[in-house]
Amino acid sequence: MKRLFYILIILGFVSLFQACEKEKMNSSSNAILHFSSDTITFDTLFTTIGSPTRILRAINKTNENVVISSVRLAGGKQSGFRLNVNGDASNETYNVQIPAQDSIFIFVEALLGKNGRNAPLVTEDSIIFVINNIEQKVRLLAWGQDFVMIKTDHIKTAVWNKERPYLVFNEALVDSGQTLTMEPGTTVYFHKNAGLQVKGTLKVLGSFEEPVEFKGDRLEPAFNDTPDQWNGIILFSGSHNNRINYAKIKNANIGLQVGTIEHSGYASLELSNTRIENMSWSGIWAMKSKILAYNCIISNVRYYNTALLLGGDYQFYHTTFANYYNQLSSGMRTTETLVVSNYLVDNKSGTRYVGDLKEATFGNCIITGNRVNELSISMDKQGVANYLFDRSLIQISDTFKLVESNRFVDIIRNVNPRFKNPYKGNFELDTLSIVKDYGKASYAKSYPLDLKYDSRISDDGPDLGAFERIEKKNGTKK
């Protein structure tokens, strides 16, 4: 027994010695840290609004544990950044241990103050790591932009301009009888679940040189073409004389909702020289309303590119309806690019609402996408059903029956329009496109300049869609 007792004591000392060996700290001046990046960068942020979180790894590549004496921001309490070091939310943390061949995570956020200027500001700082009396630094860099905050506001008659961008943080409402005007170059950002509702009148007066832009407030490159970042623009039934010219509306749930089923009357809109793209639910969702549109592109939407429902009065000229939505992670698209109907069924109650489609004219348009059939027409006999596709290219399946041929005049059916790069949002025409010079001259005379300000009436004939391709004599585009 005594022998066994001595053996156990010896084994205990060996284990304790080995444990001490394992816990031995590397105090050498060669025990430097390695980092996943030498600079943490934040692209343009809104001042006073917290940023997305960036992650930095501090790595111990040695075979012994190391202790970081301190991790701190050089700017201290005045810094425009915040740290969380391995779970400790503090801008100054002490005695942080990193095991051998291991790492810790540092989470970094930027919070910039207002600079009182229109131009973007630049904020710099650094994270200082002290290990074995040696300082190491990781640079922090952020660009910030002052803005005008719009927060759950009831907007009375006002003019927005390009001096500073506007950030709509919740829902903003233009009251009945009031007019919101946006001058050329105005930029409006929307926070998640925010949107613009209009009971009064919206005047978006962009220009070719300075369009008005509507988009989400996530400015990182990864969000450039991400849908559903904000709710969209809603024109309530009863909202009239709305005008949107030279605008870019992108990355929302619904780009433009024109009309509301729960309100009486209709909404009216003139829409021109505008791009609506990368939506989650619909580019244009219109109900019992009136739209005149020309030189527009509605493209790349998860569900309904354009839906004209419950009747109404719609005229689209030289408009490109193109849906090449291809985010396979969300599943394949199963809905048509253009849906025209004089009724709507409430999925919850099963109630069927029927309206009168007084007019739905599509002249010199392109209706296409990456599905076999990109047009759906559905009419209830209880309502009026007037529609016309005139000199337009339509992607429709071979089983699509043109029951009333007088409603489809001189259409091009099931032919690739040959866009330059539709999956990248480039809907200009290739030199071999079949839609070149195919359009009706009378429509082109009403809208003689295309989306790029090129003339439609200076060559052999107008092209279909929003862009006119003008060839030089040698075959190249001017």
Protein backbone atom coordinates (compact mmCIF):
# COMPACT_ATOMS: atom_id res chain seq x y z
CA MET A 1 0.00 0.00 0.00
CA LYS A 2 2.85 2.39 0.88
CA ARG A 3 4.41 1.70 -2.51
CA LEU A 4 1.13 2.47 -4.26
CA PHE A 5 0.78 5.64 -2.15
CA TYR A 6 4.25 6.89 -3.24
CA ILE A 7 3.48 6.09 -6.87
CA LEU A 8 0.28 8.16 -6.70
CA ILE A 9 2.15 11.07 -5.14
CA ILE A 10 4.80 10.93 -7.88
CA LEU A 11 2.12 10.78 -10.59
CA GLY A 12 0.39 13.77 -8.98
CA PHE A 13 3.62 15.82 -9.09
CA VAL A 14 4.14 14.82 -12.75
CA SER A 15 0.61 15.89 -13.65
CA LEU A 16 1.03 19.18 -11.80
CA PHE A 17 4.35 19.77 -13.55
CA GLN A 18 2.79 19.03 -16.94
CA ALA A 19 -0.11 21.37 -16.18
CA CYS A 20 2.32 24.11 -15.25
CA GLU A 21 4.18 23.46 -18.50
CA LYS A 22 0.92 23.76 -20.44
CA GLU A 23 0.09 27.04 -18.72
CA LYS A 24 3.53 28.48 -19.38
CA MET A 25 3.30 31.91 -20.96
CA ASN A 26 5.41 33.11 -23.83
CA SER A 27 7.13 36.27 -22.59
CA SER A 28 9.58 36.51 -25.47
CA SER A 29 9.82 39.70 -27.52
CA ASN A 30 9.25 37.48 -30.56
CA ALA A 31 5.73 36.62 -29.36
CA ILE A 32 3.93 39.04 -31.62
CA LEU A 33 0.32 38.85 -32.69
CA HIS A 34 -0.94 38.31 -36.21
CA PHE A 35 -4.18 39.87 -37.43
CA SER A 36 -6.82 38.93 -39.98
CA SER A 37 -6.46 42.46 -41.40
CA ASP A 38 -4.17 45.41 -40.83
CA THR A 39 -7.00 47.89 -41.50
CA ILE A 40 -10.70 47.75 -40.63
CA THR A 41 -12.67 49.88 -43.10
CA PHE A 42 -16.26 51.13 -42.98
CA ASP A 43 -17.67 52.44 -46.25
CA THR A 44 -19.84 55.54 -46.22
CA LEU A 45 -21.99 55.57 -43.07
CA PHE A 46 -24.66 57.89 -41.80
CA THR A 47 -23.45 60.11 -38.98
CA THR A 48 -25.04 59.36 -35.56
CA ILE A 49 -26.31 55.98 -36.83
CA GLY A 50 -24.48 52.85 -35.69
CA SER A 51 -22.64 50.85 -38.29
CA PRO A 52 -22.59 47.17 -39.18
CA THR A 53 -20.14 45.17 -37.07
CA ARG A 54 -16.71 44.31 -38.44
CA ILE A 55 -14.74 41.35 -37.05
CA LEU A 56 -11.01 41.30 -36.40
CA ARG A 57 -9.10 38.18 -35.35
CA ALA A 58 -5.99 38.47 -33.20
CA ILE A 59 -3.99 35.28 -33.72
CA ASN A 60 -1.32 33.62 -31.55
CA LYS A 61 0.80 31.50 -33.89
CA THR A 62 3.27 30.41 -31.20
CA ASN A 63 3.24 27.10 -29.33
CA GLU A 64 2.77 28.79 -25.96
CA ASN A 65 0.02 30.87 -24.44
CA VAL A 66 0.32 34.65 -24.61
CA VAL A 67 -1.25 37.41 -22.54
CA ILE A 68 -2.17 40.72 -24.11
CA SER A 69 -1.58 43.29 -21.39
CA SER A 70 -4.12 45.69 -22.88
CA VAL A 71 -6.37 46.18 -25.89
CA ARG A 72 -7.60 49.75 -26.29
CA LEU A 73 -8.68 52.42 -28.74
CA ALA A 74 -6.07 55.10 -29.25
CA GLY A 75 -8.83 57.71 -29.27
CA GLY A 76 -10.20 56.59 -25.93
CA LYS A 77 -13.61 57.95 -24.96
CA GLN A 78 -13.49 60.45 -27.84
CA SER A 79 -13.12 57.72 -30.44
CA GLY A 80 -15.72 57.30 -33.15
CA PHE A 81 -15.47 53.51 -32.73
CA ARG A 82 -16.54 50.88 -30.20
CA LEU A 83 -14.93 47.56 -29.26
CA ASN A 84 -16.03 44.22 -27.92
CA VAL A 85 -12.98 42.10 -27.07
CA ASN A 86 -13.78 38.43 -26.79
CA GLY A 87 -17.18 39.20 -25.22
CA ASP A 88 -16.07 42.18 -23.12
CA ALA A 89 -17.84 45.31 -24.42
CA SER A 90 -15.27 47.91 -23.53
CA ASN A 91 -12.93 50.22 -25.39
CA GLU A 92 -10.11 49.25 -23.00
CA THR A 93 -9.58 45.65 -21.85
CA TYR A 94 -6.70 44.14 -19.85
CA ASN A 95 -4.95 40.78 -19.50
CA VAL A 96 -6.53 38.93 -22.39
CA GLN A 97 -5.14 35.43 -22.79
CA ILE A 98 -4.80 33.65 -26.13
CA PRO A 99 -3.96 29.95 -25.99
CA ALA A 100 -1.21 28.52 -28.17
CA GLN A 101 -2.13 28.27 -31.84
CA ASP A 102 -5.45 29.98 -31.17
CA SER A 103 -7.12 33.35 -31.63
CA ILE A 104 -9.65 35.79 -30.17
CA PHE A 105 -12.30 37.93 -31.85
CA ILE A 106 -12.57 41.69 -31.61
CA PHE A 107 -15.87 43.20 -32.80
CA VAL A 108 -15.67 46.77 -34.05
CA GLU A 109 -18.45 49.30 -34.67
CA ALA A 110 -18.28 52.89 -35.92
CA LEU A 111 -20.45 55.69 -34.51
CA LEU A 112 -19.78 59.01 -36.13
CA GLY A 113 -20.90 62.44 -34.96
CA LYS A 114 -22.41 65.12 -37.18
CA ASN A 115 -19.79 67.17 -38.96
CA GLY A 116 -22.01 70.08 -39.96
CA ARG A 117 -20.87 69.84 -43.56
CA ASN A 118 -22.40 68.49 -46.74
CA ALA A 119 -19.28 66.57 -47.79
CA PRO A 120 -18.45 63.15 -46.35
CA LEU A 121 -16.15 63.11 -43.33
CA VAL A 122 -13.31 60.71 -42.62
CA THR A 123 -12.79 59.28 -39.13
CA GLU A 124 -9.58 57.45 -38.21
CA ASP A 125 -8.37 55.65 -35.12
CA SER A 126 -6.47 52.51 -34.23
CA ILE A 127 -6.67 49.54 -31.88
CA ILE A 128 -3.51 49.28 -29.78
CA PHE A 129 -2.43 45.85 -28.55
CA VAL A 130 0.34 45.65 -25.89
CA ILE A 131 2.02 42.27 -25.51
CA ASN A 132 5.32 41.78 -23.68
CA ASN A 133 5.82 45.57 -23.67
CA ILE A 134 5.53 45.68 -27.46
CA GLU A 135 2.82 47.78 -29.14
CA GLN A 136 1.00 46.61 -32.24
CA LYS A 137 -1.70 48.56 -34.08
CA VAL A 138 -4.62 47.87 -36.38
CA ARG A 139 -5.91 50.91 -38.26
CA LEU A 140 -9.59 51.88 -38.21
CA LEU A 141 -11.05 53.98 -41.01
CA ALA A 142 -14.63 55.15 -41.63
CA TRP A 143 -16.29 57.55 -44.07
CA GLY A 144 -19.40 59.31 -42.80
CA GLN A 145 -22.11 61.42 -44.40
CA ASP A 146 -24.37 63.95 -42.74
CA PHE A 147 -28.05 63.53 -43.54
CA VAL A 148 -31.54 64.77 -42.80
CA MET A 149 -33.40 62.35 -40.53
CA ILE A 150 -37.05 61.63 -41.35
CA LYS A 151 -38.54 59.71 -38.44
CA THR A 152 -42.24 58.72 -38.39
CA ASP A 153 -43.11 62.11 -39.86
CA HIS A 154 -46.36 63.49 -41.25
CA ILE A 155 -44.93 65.55 -44.07
CA LYS A 156 -46.59 68.81 -45.00
CA THR A 157 -45.79 70.63 -48.24
CA ALA A 158 -42.00 70.57 -48.54
CA VAL A 159 -39.12 70.56 -51.01
CA TRP A 160 -36.23 68.11 -50.67
CA ASN A 161 -32.95 68.82 -52.47
CA LYS A 162 -29.52 67.38 -53.11
CA GLU A 163 -27.60 69.30 -50.43
CA ARG A 164 -27.78 66.39 -48.00
CA PRO A 165 -29.28 62.91 -48.34
CA TYR A 166 -32.49 62.06 -46.50
CA LEU A 167 -32.77 59.00 -44.27
CA VAL A 168 -36.29 57.72 -43.68
CA PHE A 169 -35.97 55.73 -40.49
CA ASN A 170 -39.62 54.61 -40.12
CA GLU A 171 -42.69 55.24 -42.25
CA ALA A 172 -43.03 58.78 -43.58
CA LEU A 173 -46.45 60.01 -44.72
CA VAL A 174 -47.26 62.86 -47.10
CA ASP A 175 -50.60 64.08 -45.74
CA SER A 176 -53.71 64.68 -47.82
CA GLY A 177 -53.64 68.07 -49.50
CA GLN A 178 -49.85 68.33 -49.11
CA THR A 179 -47.13 68.06 -51.80
CA LEU A 180 -43.62 66.67 -51.39
CA THR A 181 -41.30 67.81 -54.20
CA MET A 182 -37.87 66.30 -54.80
CA GLU A 183 -35.45 68.34 -56.86
CA PRO A 184 -32.82 66.90 -59.25
CA GLY A 185 -30.04 64.97 -57.50
CA THR A 186 -32.01 64.25 -54.32
CA THR A 187 -31.05 60.98 -52.61
CA VAL A 188 -33.41 59.23 -50.20
CA TYR A 189 -32.22 56.29 -48.09
CA PHE A 190 -34.58 54.00 -46.19
CA HIS A 191 -33.89 51.98 -43.06
CA LYS A 192 -35.12 48.39 -42.78
CA ASN A 193 -38.96 48.24 -42.84
CA ALA A 194 -39.20 51.96 -43.62
CA GLY A 195 -41.11 53.43 -46.55
CA LEU A 196 -42.79 56.48 -48.05
CA GLN A 197 -46.59 56.72 -48.05
CA VAL A 198 -48.41 59.36 -50.05
CA LYS A 199 -51.98 60.51 -49.46
CA GLY A 200 -51.25 63.93 -50.96
CA THR A 201 -49.00 64.40 -53.99
CA LEU A 202 -45.44 63.31 -54.80
CA LYS A 203 -43.38 65.25 -57.36
CA VAL A 204 -40.05 63.59 -58.19
CA LEU A 205 -38.37 65.99 -60.60
CA GLY A 206 -35.11 64.27 -61.49
CA SER A 207 -33.13 65.06 -64.62
CA PHE A 208 -31.00 63.08 -67.05
CA GLU A 209 -27.84 64.49 -65.45
CA GLU A 210 -29.11 64.28 -61.86
CA PRO A 211 -31.70 61.54 -61.24
CA VAL A 212 -33.46 61.17 -57.89
CA GLU A 213 -32.48 57.96 -56.08
CA PHE A 214 -34.43 55.81 -53.62
CA LYS A 215 -32.56 52.94 -51.93
CA GLY A 216 -31.76 51.14 -48.67
CA ASP A 217 -29.35 52.50 -46.07
CA ARG A 218 -26.97 49.52 -46.17
CA LEU A 219 -24.14 51.01 -48.19
CA GLU A 220 -21.71 48.09 -48.18
CA PRO A 221 -20.96 46.66 -51.65
CA ALA A 222 -22.54 43.33 -50.65
CA PHE A 223 -25.94 45.10 -50.49
CA ASN A 224 -25.75 46.81 -53.88
CA ASP A 225 -28.32 44.46 -55.45
CA THR A 226 -30.03 42.94 -52.41
CA PRO A 227 -33.85 43.20 -52.45
CA ASP A 228 -36.21 43.78 -49.50
CA GLN A 229 -34.03 46.34 -47.71
CA TRP A 230 -37.01 48.72 -47.29
CA ASN A 231 -40.76 48.69 -47.84
CA GLY A 232 -41.24 50.89 -50.90
CA ILE A 233 -43.37 53.85 -52.05
CA ILE A 234 -47.17 53.68 -51.66
CA LEU A 235 -49.52 56.08 -53.46
CA PHE A 236 -52.86 55.77 -51.68
CA SER A 237 -56.12 55.72 -53.60
CA GLY A 238 -57.20 59.36 -53.72
CA SER A 239 -53.62 60.56 -54.32
CA HIS A 240 -53.51 62.43 -57.64
CA ASN A 241 -51.16 64.35 -59.95
CA ASN A 242 -48.17 62.29 -58.85
CA ARG A 243 -45.14 62.65 -61.11
CA ILE A 244 -41.91 60.63 -61.09
CA ASN A 245 -39.32 61.57 -63.71
CA TYR A 246 -35.72 60.38 -63.95
CA ALA A 247 -35.68 58.30 -60.79
CA LYS A 248 -33.91 55.14 -59.67
CA ILE A 249 -35.87 52.97 -57.25
CA LYS A 250 -34.12 49.83 -56.08
CA ASN A 251 -33.80 47.08 -53.48
CA ALA A 252 -37.22 47.40 -51.79
CA ASN A 253 -40.08 44.99 -51.18
CA ILE A 254 -42.43 46.81 -53.59
CA GLY A 255 -40.91 49.59 -55.66
CA LEU A 256 -44.16 51.42 -56.39
CA GLN A 257 -47.59 50.51 -55.06
CA VAL A 258 -50.16 52.60 -56.92
CA GLY A 259 -53.59 52.46 -55.30
CA THR A 260 -54.88 50.84 -52.12
CA ILE A 261 -57.78 48.40 -52.02
CA GLU A 262 -59.11 49.64 -48.68
CA HIS A 263 -59.58 53.24 -49.84
CA SER A 264 -62.14 54.61 -52.29
CA GLY A 265 -61.20 56.22 -55.58
CA TYR A 266 -57.94 55.69 -57.44
CA ALA A 267 -54.36 56.95 -57.53
CA SER A 268 -52.86 58.62 -60.60
CA LEU A 269 -49.22 58.72 -61.69
CA GLU A 270 -47.11 59.83 -64.61
CA LEU A 271 -43.92 57.75 -64.58
CA SER A 272 -41.10 58.51 -66.99
CA ASN A 273 -37.39 57.83 -67.54
CA THR A 274 -37.28 55.68 -64.43
CA ARG A 275 -35.62 52.41 -63.42
CA ILE A 276 -37.30 50.14 -60.85
CA GLU A 277 -35.15 47.11 -60.07
CA ASN A 278 -34.19 44.37 -57.60
CA MET A 279 -37.43 44.13 -55.64
CA SER A 280 -38.59 41.27 -53.47
CA TRP A 281 -42.36 41.25 -54.11
CA SER A 282 -43.11 43.58 -57.03
CA GLY A 283 -41.65 46.38 -59.11
CA ILE A 284 -45.03 48.01 -59.77
CA TRP A 285 -48.11 46.79 -57.89
CA ALA A 286 -51.12 48.78 -59.14
CA MET A 287 -54.78 48.42 -58.15
CA LYS A 288 -57.74 50.23 -59.76
CA SER A 289 -55.53 53.17 -60.64
CA LYS A 290 -54.27 55.29 -63.51
CA ILE A 291 -50.68 55.20 -64.82
CA LEU A 292 -49.05 56.79 -67.85
CA ALA A 293 -45.50 55.43 -68.20
CA TYR A 294 -42.78 55.77 -70.82
CA ASN A 295 -39.02 55.25 -71.10
CA CYS A 296 -39.03 53.00 -68.04
CA ILE A 297 -37.31 49.78 -67.03
CA ILE A 298 -38.91 47.46 -64.50
CA SER A 299 -36.56 44.56 -63.91
CA ASN A 300 -35.34 41.64 -61.84
CA VAL A 301 -38.00 41.02 -59.18
CA ARG A 302 -38.45 37.92 -57.01
CA TYR A 303 -42.20 37.62 -57.65
CA TYR A 304 -44.29 40.09 -59.68
CA ASN A 305 -42.25 42.37 -61.89
CA THR A 306 -45.38 44.38 -62.77
CA ALA A 307 -48.93 43.57 -61.64
CA LEU A 308 -51.90 45.64 -62.84
CA LEU A 309 -54.90 44.44 -60.86
CA LEU A 310 -58.54 45.26 -60.16
CA GLY A 311 -58.87 47.11 -63.43
CA GLY A 312 -57.80 50.70 -63.93
CA ASP A 313 -56.40 52.80 -66.75
CA TYR A 314 -52.83 52.02 -67.82
CA GLN A 315 -50.68 53.19 -70.72
CA PHE A 316 -47.09 52.01 -71.13
CA TYR A 317 -44.95 53.14 -74.05
CA HIS A 318 -41.34 52.31 -74.83
CA THR A 319 -41.06 50.44 -71.54
CA THR A 320 -38.88 47.39 -70.88
CA PHE A 321 -40.43 44.78 -68.57
CA ALA A 322 -37.58 42.30 -68.07
CA ASN A 323 -37.27 39.74 -65.31
CA TYR A 324 -34.01 37.83 -65.09
CA TYR A 325 -34.10 37.35 -61.34
CA ASN A 326 -31.56 34.62 -60.68
CA GLN A 327 -30.91 34.36 -56.94
CA LEU A 328 -31.12 30.59 -56.81
CA SER A 329 -30.83 30.56 -53.01
CA SER A 330 -34.36 32.03 -52.87
CA GLY A 331 -35.77 29.42 -55.22
CA MET A 332 -36.70 29.64 -58.88
CA ARG A 333 -39.13 32.37 -59.93
CA THR A 334 -42.61 30.99 -60.67
CA THR A 335 -44.52 34.17 -61.58
CA GLU A 336 -44.83 36.04 -64.87
CA THR A 337 -43.08 39.31 -65.65
CA LEU A 338 -46.36 41.11 -66.43
CA VAL A 339 -49.75 40.31 -64.88
CA VAL A 340 -52.89 42.11 -66.10
CA SER A 341 -56.24 41.42 -64.42
CA ASN A 342 -59.54 43.14 -63.64
CA TYR A 343 -59.99 41.30 -60.34
CA LEU A 344 -58.14 40.41 -57.14
CA VAL A 345 -58.80 37.62 -54.63
CA ASP A 346 -58.11 38.14 -50.93
CA ASN A 347 -56.17 34.99 -49.95
CA LYS A 348 -57.27 35.23 -46.29
CA SER A 349 -61.02 35.75 -46.70
CA GLY A 350 -61.43 34.39 -50.22
CA THR A 351 -63.29 37.56 -51.20
CA ARG A 352 -63.14 38.30 -54.92
CA TYR A 353 -62.97 41.98 -55.86
CA VAL A 354 -63.80 42.90 -59.47
CA GLY A 355 -63.06 46.19 -61.22
CA ASP A 356 -63.19 47.65 -64.72
CA LEU A 357 -60.08 47.58 -66.88
CA LYS A 358 -60.88 50.69 -68.91
CA GLU A 359 -57.57 50.58 -70.76
CA ALA A 360 -54.25 48.73 -70.68
CA THR A 361 -52.16 49.71 -73.68
CA PHE A 362 -48.59 48.53 -74.26
CA GLY A 363 -47.00 50.24 -77.26
CA ASN A 364 -43.44 49.65 -78.50
CA CYS A 365 -42.70 47.66 -75.32
CA ILE A 366 -40.57 44.62 -74.47
CA ILE A 367 -42.03 42.00 -72.09
CA THR A 368 -39.52 39.23 -71.48
CA GLY A 369 -37.46 37.25 -68.98
CA ASN A 370 -35.88 33.89 -68.27
CA ARG A 371 -39.11 31.85 -68.07
CA VAL A 372 -41.02 30.24 -70.94
CA ASN A 373 -44.08 32.40 -70.31
CA GLU A 374 -43.82 36.00 -69.08
CA LEU A 375 -47.38 37.29 -69.56
CA SER A 376 -50.53 36.52 -67.59
CA ILE A 377 -53.93 37.93 -68.56
CA SER A 378 -56.87 37.04 -66.34
CA MET A 379 -60.29 38.67 -66.63
CA ASP A 380 -63.59 38.33 -64.79
CA LYS A 381 -66.63 38.63 -67.07
CA GLN A 382 -68.35 40.79 -64.45
CA GLY A 383 -65.92 43.61 -65.20
CA VAL A 384 -64.74 45.55 -68.26
CA ALA A 385 -61.64 44.12 -69.97
CA ASN A 386 -59.94 46.40 -72.49
CA TYR A 387 -56.28 45.78 -73.30
CA LEU A 388 -53.98 46.09 -76.28
CA PHE A 389 -50.42 44.96 -77.06
CA ASP A 390 -49.26 46.95 -80.08
CA ARG A 391 -45.89 46.49 -81.79
CA SER A 392 -44.32 44.83 -78.76
CA LEU A 393 -42.07 41.84 -78.12
CA ILE A 394 -43.67 39.33 -75.73
CA GLN A 395 -42.16 36.17 -74.27
CA ILE A 396 -45.16 33.80 -74.17
CA SER A 397 -45.34 30.02 -74.27
CA ASP A 398 -46.53 28.10 -77.32
CA THR A 399 -49.64 27.11 -75.35
CA PHE A 400 -50.60 30.76 -74.72
CA LYS A 401 -53.78 31.32 -76.70
CA LEU A 402 -54.31 34.66 -78.37
CA VAL A 403 -58.08 34.38 -78.03
CA GLU A 404 -58.77 37.88 -79.31
CA SER A 405 -56.16 38.55 -81.96
CA ASN A 406 -57.19 42.21 -82.29
CA ARG A 407 -55.70 42.73 -78.84
CA PHE A 408 -52.25 41.60 -80.08
CA VAL A 409 -51.24 43.73 -83.05
CA ASP A 410 -47.95 43.12 -84.90
CA ILE A 411 -46.29 41.52 -81.88
CA ILE A 412 -43.00 39.62 -81.90
CA ARG A 413 -43.47 36.36 -80.06
CA ASN A 414 -40.87 34.17 -78.32
CA VAL A 415 -37.73 35.84 -79.68
CA ASN A 416 -34.70 36.83 -77.64
CA PRO A 417 -34.49 40.65 -77.69
CA ARG A 418 -30.72 40.37 -77.32
CA PHE A 419 -29.96 42.70 -74.44
CA LYS A 420 -26.31 43.43 -73.78
CA ASN A 421 -26.27 41.86 -70.30
CA PRO A 422 -29.70 41.43 -68.65
CA TYR A 423 -28.35 39.52 -65.64
CA LYS A 424 -26.24 42.58 -64.81
CA GLY A 425 -29.08 45.00 -65.45
CA ASN A 426 -27.89 46.20 -68.86
CA PHE A 427 -30.96 46.30 -71.12
CA GLU A 428 -29.43 48.20 -74.01
CA LEU A 429 -29.81 46.40 -77.32
CA ASP A 430 -27.24 44.37 -79.19
CA THR A 431 -26.61 45.27 -82.84
CA LEU A 432 -28.39 42.08 -83.98
CA SER A 433 -31.55 42.67 -81.94
CA ILE A 434 -34.80 41.93 -83.78
CA VAL A 435 -36.57 44.85 -82.09
CA LYS A 436 -34.41 47.46 -83.82
CA ASP A 437 -36.47 49.85 -85.96
CA TYR A 438 -39.61 47.72 -85.35
CA GLY A 439 -41.61 50.23 -83.33
CA LYS A 440 -44.62 52.28 -84.40
CA ALA A 441 -43.63 55.80 -85.43
CA SER A 442 -46.63 57.48 -83.82
CA TYR A 443 -45.59 56.32 -80.34
CA ALA A 444 -42.00 57.43 -80.93
CA LYS A 445 -43.12 60.91 -82.03
CA SER A 446 -44.89 61.34 -78.69
CA TYR A 447 -41.72 60.25 -76.83
CA PRO A 448 -38.86 61.11 -79.22
CA LEU A 449 -35.97 60.75 -76.72
CA ASP A 450 -35.04 57.46 -75.08
CA LEU A 451 -33.83 56.80 -71.53
CA LYS A 452 -30.29 57.84 -72.50
CA TYR A 453 -31.50 61.00 -74.25
CA ASP A 454 -30.87 59.55 -77.72
CA SER A 455 -33.31 60.34 -80.52
CA ARG A 456 -35.77 57.68 -81.62
CA ILE A 457 -36.78 59.48 -84.79
CA SER A 458 -33.41 60.08 -86.42
CA ASP A 459 -32.83 56.64 -88.00
CA ASP A 460 -34.85 54.04 -89.94
CA GLY A 461 -37.40 53.55 -87.18
CA PRO A 462 -37.89 53.48 -83.40
CA ASP A 463 -36.64 50.48 -81.44
CA LEU A 464 -38.83 48.70 -78.91
CA GLY A 465 -38.20 49.23 -75.21
CA ALA A 466 -36.58 52.04 -73.26
CA PHE A 467 -33.33 52.24 -75.26
CA GLU A 468 -32.73 53.25 -78.86
CA ARG A 469 -29.70 51.75 -80.54
CA ILE A 470 -28.17 54.18 -83.03
CA GLU A 471 -25.64 52.70 -85.44
CA LYS A 472 -22.90 54.43 -87.32
CA LYS A 473 -22.36 53.48 -90.92
CA ASN A 474 -19.64 51.03 -89.92
CA GLY A 475 -22.08 49.19 -87.60
CA THR A 476 -20.83 50.49 -84.27
CA LYS A 477 -23.04 52.26 -81.78
CA LYS A 478 -22.75 55.99 -81.59
